[in-house]
Amino acid sequence: MPETQPSKSEARKHYFVDEAGDAVLFGSRGKVLIGSDGCSRFFMLGLLDVHDPERLATELAELRKSLLADPYFKGAPSMQTDEQKTALFFHAKDDLPEVRREVLKVLARHELHFSAVVKNKRRVLGYVQSRNDSDPAYRYRHDELYDHMLRRLFKQRLHSHDAYRVTFATRGHKDRTEALRLALEAARKRFAEEQGVSSRAAIEVVPATPPQAAGLQAVDYFLWALQRTYERREDRYLQLLWPQCQWVEDVDDTRASPHGAAYTKQKPLLAAALESVEGYRSD
């Protein structure tokens, strides 16, 4: 989905990128783990376009300070500093329901635009197995799937502003800053070749952790809601956030188009609709 044209006050775009689920397909001995305990059935990559990152950071910090001072949460394990959870940063999976509700209220007050790409890992497995049949030397790498989805996610999002600051949630101890920058440049180049729209805007790639970037805490909430819709068929959180969802692409829902299904503000993503997608049934 194309970006909106920028005003002078938003010539620099601020994107925050994180993932939900995991890119794991196999165990240490080659056993397929998809859908087993601790291994997701879907992998998704999301970005959040944040109009005012500093204001968002201030409000989330103030909220956390207020909650930590509330006697109601005094004995909650996730609110203890040594637990490395809510006391340090908001994380939807770890936050208490009461905390989660307050975070959602803050997010609703901000100009945020969420987009994501979703992959069914069973389809990824089919590709990997087919590739291995034709090329026995081929070995699947988690970064391969991540970078493929990243290029797809950013294809139409790097051509209409003066500059871009893309903050990525760090993954492990490996520094992939240069690899991610190259993936973004590849996405922009492909868009220019297909649409004839080029851009020389600077792209700043910033690796960060959620405590360092409030935008990463915010995109985590959107991805958590999206993941629950796919993995648990529970969409009430996603529907609450949907007014701030710009575009979600389900690459493997090819019922209507071989290119996948696109969900927008006008076409909401509902959990019930996923039951009829081949290979998506929750039972």
Protein backbone atom coordinates (compact mmCIF):
# COMPACT_ATOMS: atom_id res chain seq x y z
CA MET A 1 0.00 0.00 0.00
CA PRO A 2 1.56 3.35 -1.01
CA GLU A 3 2.64 5.89 1.56
CA THR A 4 0.69 9.10 1.94
CA GLN A 5 2.44 12.21 0.70
CA PRO A 6 4.43 13.94 3.44
CA SER A 7 3.94 17.40 4.85
CA LYS A 8 6.95 19.57 5.72
CA SER A 9 6.58 18.60 9.38
CA GLU A 10 6.91 14.88 8.64
CA ALA A 11 9.60 14.85 5.97
CA ARG A 12 11.45 12.21 7.97
CA LYS A 13 9.66 8.90 8.48
CA HIS A 14 10.09 6.90 11.67
CA TYR A 15 9.52 3.17 11.27
CA PHE A 16 9.81 0.55 14.02
CA VAL A 17 10.17 -3.10 13.00
CA ASP A 18 9.71 -6.30 14.98
CA GLU A 19 8.59 -9.90 14.47
CA ALA A 20 6.08 -12.30 16.01
CA GLY A 21 6.21 -16.05 16.05
CA ASP A 22 9.51 -17.56 14.98
CA ALA A 23 11.24 -18.63 11.78
CA VAL A 24 12.12 -22.09 13.15
CA LEU A 25 11.17 -25.07 10.96
CA PHE A 26 13.39 -27.92 12.19
CA GLY A 27 14.86 -29.28 15.39
CA SER A 28 18.51 -30.20 15.87
CA ARG A 29 18.03 -33.58 14.14
CA GLY A 30 15.93 -32.32 11.26
CA LYS A 31 12.54 -33.04 12.85
CA VAL A 32 9.80 -30.65 11.75
CA LEU A 33 8.77 -28.57 14.77
CA ILE A 34 6.06 -26.33 13.28
CA GLY A 35 3.07 -26.13 15.60
CA SER A 36 4.74 -28.07 18.41
CA ASP A 37 5.06 -26.64 21.91
CA GLY A 38 7.11 -23.45 21.71
CA CYS A 39 7.18 -23.31 17.91
CA SER A 40 4.66 -21.12 16.07
CA ARG A 41 2.65 -22.06 12.98
CA PHE A 42 3.03 -18.58 11.48
CA PHE A 43 5.81 -16.04 11.21
CA MET A 44 5.03 -12.36 10.84
CA LEU A 45 7.03 -9.19 10.40
CA GLY A 46 5.49 -5.85 11.23
CA LEU A 47 6.33 -2.17 11.05
CA LEU A 48 4.81 0.74 12.88
CA ASP A 49 4.90 4.21 11.36
CA VAL A 50 5.05 6.56 14.37
CA HIS A 51 4.32 10.23 13.76
CA ASP A 52 5.79 11.50 17.04
CA PRO A 53 8.19 8.96 18.62
CA GLU A 54 9.31 11.32 21.38
CA ARG A 55 5.79 11.99 22.59
CA LEU A 56 5.00 8.28 22.50
CA ALA A 57 8.11 7.50 24.53
CA THR A 58 7.21 10.17 27.10
CA GLU A 59 3.66 8.91 27.57
CA LEU A 60 4.65 5.27 27.88
CA ALA A 61 7.37 6.16 30.39
CA GLU A 62 4.89 8.19 32.43
CA LEU A 63 2.39 5.34 32.34
CA ARG A 64 4.96 2.81 33.51
CA LYS A 65 6.03 5.12 36.35
CA SER A 66 2.41 5.55 37.42
CA LEU A 67 1.71 1.81 37.35
CA LEU A 68 4.85 0.98 39.33
CA ALA A 69 3.74 3.44 42.01
CA ASP A 70 0.26 1.90 42.22
CA PRO A 71 -0.08 -0.33 45.33
CA TYR A 72 -2.38 -2.63 43.33
CA PHE A 73 0.65 -3.93 41.39
CA LYS A 74 3.08 -4.03 44.32
CA GLY A 75 3.33 -7.83 44.51
CA ALA A 76 3.00 -8.60 40.80
CA PRO A 77 6.11 -10.52 39.62
CA SER A 78 6.18 -8.82 36.22
CA MET A 79 6.37 -5.44 37.95
CA GLN A 80 9.59 -6.29 39.78
CA THR A 81 12.79 -4.88 38.29
CA ASP A 82 14.75 -8.11 38.62
CA GLU A 83 12.18 -9.91 36.42
CA GLN A 84 13.26 -7.78 33.42
CA LYS A 85 9.64 -7.38 32.30
CA THR A 86 7.01 -4.63 32.71
CA ALA A 87 9.10 -2.75 35.25
CA LEU A 88 11.58 -2.03 32.44
CA PHE A 89 9.41 -1.95 29.31
CA PHE A 90 5.97 -2.92 28.05
CA HIS A 91 5.68 -6.30 26.36
CA ALA A 92 2.17 -7.51 25.56
CA LYS A 93 2.84 -11.20 26.30
CA ASP A 94 4.25 -10.45 29.76
CA ASP A 95 2.07 -7.52 30.80
CA LEU A 96 -0.87 -8.10 33.12
CA PRO A 97 -4.33 -7.62 31.53
CA GLU A 98 -4.84 -4.46 33.61
CA VAL A 99 -1.53 -3.09 32.35
CA ARG A 100 -2.27 -4.10 28.80
CA ARG A 101 -5.53 -2.17 28.84
CA GLU A 102 -3.75 1.02 29.92
CA VAL A 103 -1.09 0.64 27.21
CA LEU A 104 -3.80 0.20 24.59
CA LYS A 105 -5.41 3.45 25.75
CA VAL A 106 -2.12 5.29 25.23
CA LEU A 107 -1.61 3.80 21.78
CA ALA A 108 -5.12 4.85 20.75
CA ARG A 109 -4.22 8.51 21.37
CA HIS A 110 -1.33 8.49 18.90
CA GLU A 111 -1.03 8.74 15.14
CA LEU A 112 0.21 5.24 14.38
CA HIS A 113 0.03 3.19 11.18
CA PHE A 114 0.70 -0.54 11.39
CA SER A 115 1.55 -2.85 8.49
CA ALA A 116 2.63 -6.50 8.44
CA VAL A 117 3.46 -9.49 6.28
CA VAL A 118 2.34 -12.95 7.41
CA LYS A 119 3.73 -16.32 6.30
CA ASN A 120 2.34 -19.79 6.94
CA LYS A 121 5.40 -21.79 7.98
CA ARG A 122 3.99 -24.97 6.43
CA ARG A 123 4.27 -23.24 3.06
CA VAL A 124 7.83 -22.22 3.88
CA LEU A 125 8.58 -25.84 4.77
CA GLY A 126 7.22 -26.99 1.40
CA TYR A 127 9.50 -24.54 -0.39
CA VAL A 128 12.53 -25.63 1.62
CA GLN A 129 11.89 -29.33 0.98
CA SER A 130 11.39 -28.71 -2.73
CA ARG A 131 14.59 -26.66 -2.84
CA ASN A 132 16.49 -29.44 -1.07
CA ASP A 133 15.25 -31.97 -3.64
CA SER A 134 16.72 -29.91 -6.48
CA ASP A 135 19.80 -28.70 -4.61
CA PRO A 136 21.00 -31.04 -1.79
CA ALA A 137 23.56 -28.43 -0.71
CA TYR A 138 20.88 -25.88 0.13
CA ARG A 139 20.38 -25.16 3.83
CA TYR A 140 17.51 -23.10 5.20
CA ARG A 141 18.49 -20.08 7.31
CA HIS A 142 16.17 -18.09 9.56
CA ASP A 143 17.59 -14.83 8.19
CA GLU A 144 16.56 -15.86 4.69
CA LEU A 145 12.86 -15.80 5.59
CA TYR A 146 13.19 -12.61 7.63
CA ASP A 147 14.94 -10.70 4.84
CA HIS A 148 12.49 -11.92 2.20
CA MET A 149 9.57 -10.65 4.25
CA LEU A 150 11.39 -7.41 5.03
CA ARG A 151 11.82 -6.64 1.33
CA ARG A 152 8.13 -7.34 0.78
CA LEU A 153 7.09 -5.22 3.75
CA PHE A 154 9.11 -2.18 2.65
CA LYS A 155 8.69 -2.42 -1.11
CA GLN A 156 6.36 0.62 -1.33
CA ARG A 157 7.50 2.52 1.73
CA LEU A 158 10.85 4.10 0.89
CA HIS A 159 10.21 6.49 -1.95
CA SER A 160 8.13 9.51 -0.90
CA HIS A 161 9.89 11.12 2.09
CA ASP A 162 13.11 13.06 2.51
CA ALA A 163 14.67 10.60 4.97
CA TYR A 164 13.92 7.40 6.85
CA ARG A 165 14.90 6.18 10.29
CA VAL A 166 14.18 2.46 10.59
CA THR A 167 14.56 1.04 14.09
CA PHE A 168 14.80 -2.75 14.26
CA ALA A 169 14.37 -4.91 17.32
CA THR A 170 17.70 -6.67 17.77
CA ARG A 171 17.68 -10.44 17.28
CA GLY A 172 20.28 -12.31 19.32
CA HIS A 173 23.89 -11.16 19.47
CA LYS A 174 24.54 -11.04 15.73
CA ASP A 175 24.87 -7.56 14.22
CA ARG A 176 22.75 -7.53 11.07
CA THR A 177 22.60 -3.77 10.59
CA GLU A 178 24.35 -3.83 7.20
CA ALA A 179 22.34 -6.83 5.97
CA LEU A 180 19.10 -5.07 6.88
CA ARG A 181 20.20 -1.87 5.17
CA LEU A 182 20.96 -3.83 2.00
CA ALA A 183 17.54 -5.52 2.19
CA LEU A 184 15.86 -2.11 2.41
CA GLU A 185 17.88 -0.81 -0.53
CA ALA A 186 16.89 -3.91 -2.52
CA ALA A 187 13.21 -3.25 -1.73
CA ARG A 188 13.50 0.35 -2.90
CA LYS A 189 15.35 -0.66 -6.06
CA ARG A 190 12.72 -3.23 -6.98
CA PHE A 191 9.94 -0.68 -6.53
CA ALA A 192 11.81 1.78 -8.76
CA GLU A 193 12.23 -0.86 -11.46
CA GLU A 194 8.58 -1.89 -11.39
CA GLN A 195 6.95 1.51 -10.89
CA GLY A 196 9.49 3.93 -12.34
CA VAL A 197 9.62 5.87 -9.06
CA SER A 198 13.13 6.32 -7.68
CA SER A 199 14.39 7.87 -4.47
CA ARG A 200 17.75 8.85 -3.02
CA ALA A 201 16.44 9.55 0.46
CA ALA A 202 18.80 8.57 3.27
CA ILE A 203 17.91 5.39 5.14
CA GLU A 204 19.21 5.21 8.69
CA VAL A 205 19.13 1.71 10.18
CA VAL A 206 19.10 1.62 13.98
CA PRO A 207 19.28 -1.63 15.99
CA ALA A 208 17.67 -1.28 19.42
CA THR A 209 16.02 -3.11 22.26
CA PRO A 210 12.47 -2.34 23.47
CA PRO A 211 13.68 -0.49 26.60
CA GLN A 212 15.67 1.78 24.26
CA ALA A 213 12.83 2.49 21.83
CA ALA A 214 9.21 2.99 22.82
CA GLY A 215 8.18 2.45 19.20
CA LEU A 216 9.34 -1.16 19.52
CA GLN A 217 7.13 -1.61 22.58
CA ALA A 218 4.22 -0.25 20.57
CA VAL A 219 4.75 -2.41 17.48
CA ASP A 220 5.03 -5.42 19.80
CA TYR A 221 1.44 -4.80 20.90
CA PHE A 222 0.17 -4.77 17.32
CA LEU A 223 2.09 -7.93 16.46
CA TRP A 224 0.88 -9.68 19.61
CA ALA A 225 -2.72 -8.92 18.63
CA LEU A 226 -2.09 -10.15 15.07
CA GLN A 227 -0.40 -13.32 16.29
CA ARG A 228 -3.32 -14.17 18.60
CA THR A 229 -5.64 -13.82 15.64
CA TYR A 230 -3.68 -16.38 13.63
CA GLU A 231 -2.50 -18.77 16.32
CA ARG A 232 -5.51 -18.70 18.68
CA ARG A 233 -8.32 -17.33 16.49
CA GLU A 234 -8.85 -14.56 19.03
CA ASP A 235 -9.23 -11.23 17.27
CA ARG A 236 -10.74 -8.89 19.87
CA TYR A 237 -7.42 -7.14 20.49
CA LEU A 238 -6.72 -6.78 16.78
CA GLN A 239 -10.17 -5.32 16.17
CA LEU A 240 -9.54 -2.77 18.90
CA LEU A 241 -6.31 -1.73 17.15
CA TRP A 242 -7.66 -2.05 13.62
CA PRO A 243 -8.37 1.71 13.12
CA GLN A 244 -4.57 2.14 13.25
CA CYS A 245 -3.84 -0.82 10.96
CA GLN A 246 -3.01 0.33 7.46
CA TRP A 247 -2.23 -2.90 5.67
CA VAL A 248 -1.69 -6.59 6.50
CA GLU A 249 -0.60 -8.97 3.76
CA ASP A 250 -1.19 -12.69 4.17
CA VAL A 251 1.15 -14.11 1.54
CA ASP A 252 -0.23 -17.64 1.66
CA ASP A 253 -3.97 -16.92 1.59
CA THR A 254 -4.29 -17.39 -2.15
CA ARG A 255 -8.05 -18.01 -2.32
CA ALA A 256 -8.74 -14.86 -4.32
CA SER A 257 -5.30 -14.06 -5.74
CA PRO A 258 -2.04 -15.94 -6.27
CA HIS A 259 -0.29 -12.93 -4.73
CA GLY A 260 -1.99 -13.39 -1.36
CA ALA A 261 -4.66 -11.51 0.57
CA ALA A 262 -4.47 -7.88 1.66
CA TYR A 263 -6.39 -6.54 4.62
CA THR A 264 -6.96 -2.80 5.03
CA LYS A 265 -9.02 -0.43 7.15
CA GLN A 266 -11.90 -1.01 4.76
CA LYS A 267 -11.38 -4.80 4.77
CA PRO A 268 -10.72 -5.92 8.37
CA LEU A 269 -8.95 -9.15 9.21
CA LEU A 270 -11.34 -11.41 11.12
CA ALA A 271 -10.30 -14.66 12.77
CA ALA A 272 -13.35 -16.56 11.49
CA ALA A 273 -12.31 -15.96 7.88
CA LEU A 274 -9.01 -17.76 8.43
CA GLU A 275 -10.72 -21.08 9.14
CA SER A 276 -11.54 -21.53 5.46
CA VAL A 277 -7.94 -21.02 4.28
CA GLU A 278 -6.31 -24.32 3.31
CA GLY A 279 -3.79 -25.33 5.96
CA TYR A 280 -4.92 -22.64 8.43
CA ARG A 281 -7.51 -24.53 10.47
CA SER A 282 -6.92 -24.21 14.20
CA ASP A 283 -7.84 -27.81 15.06
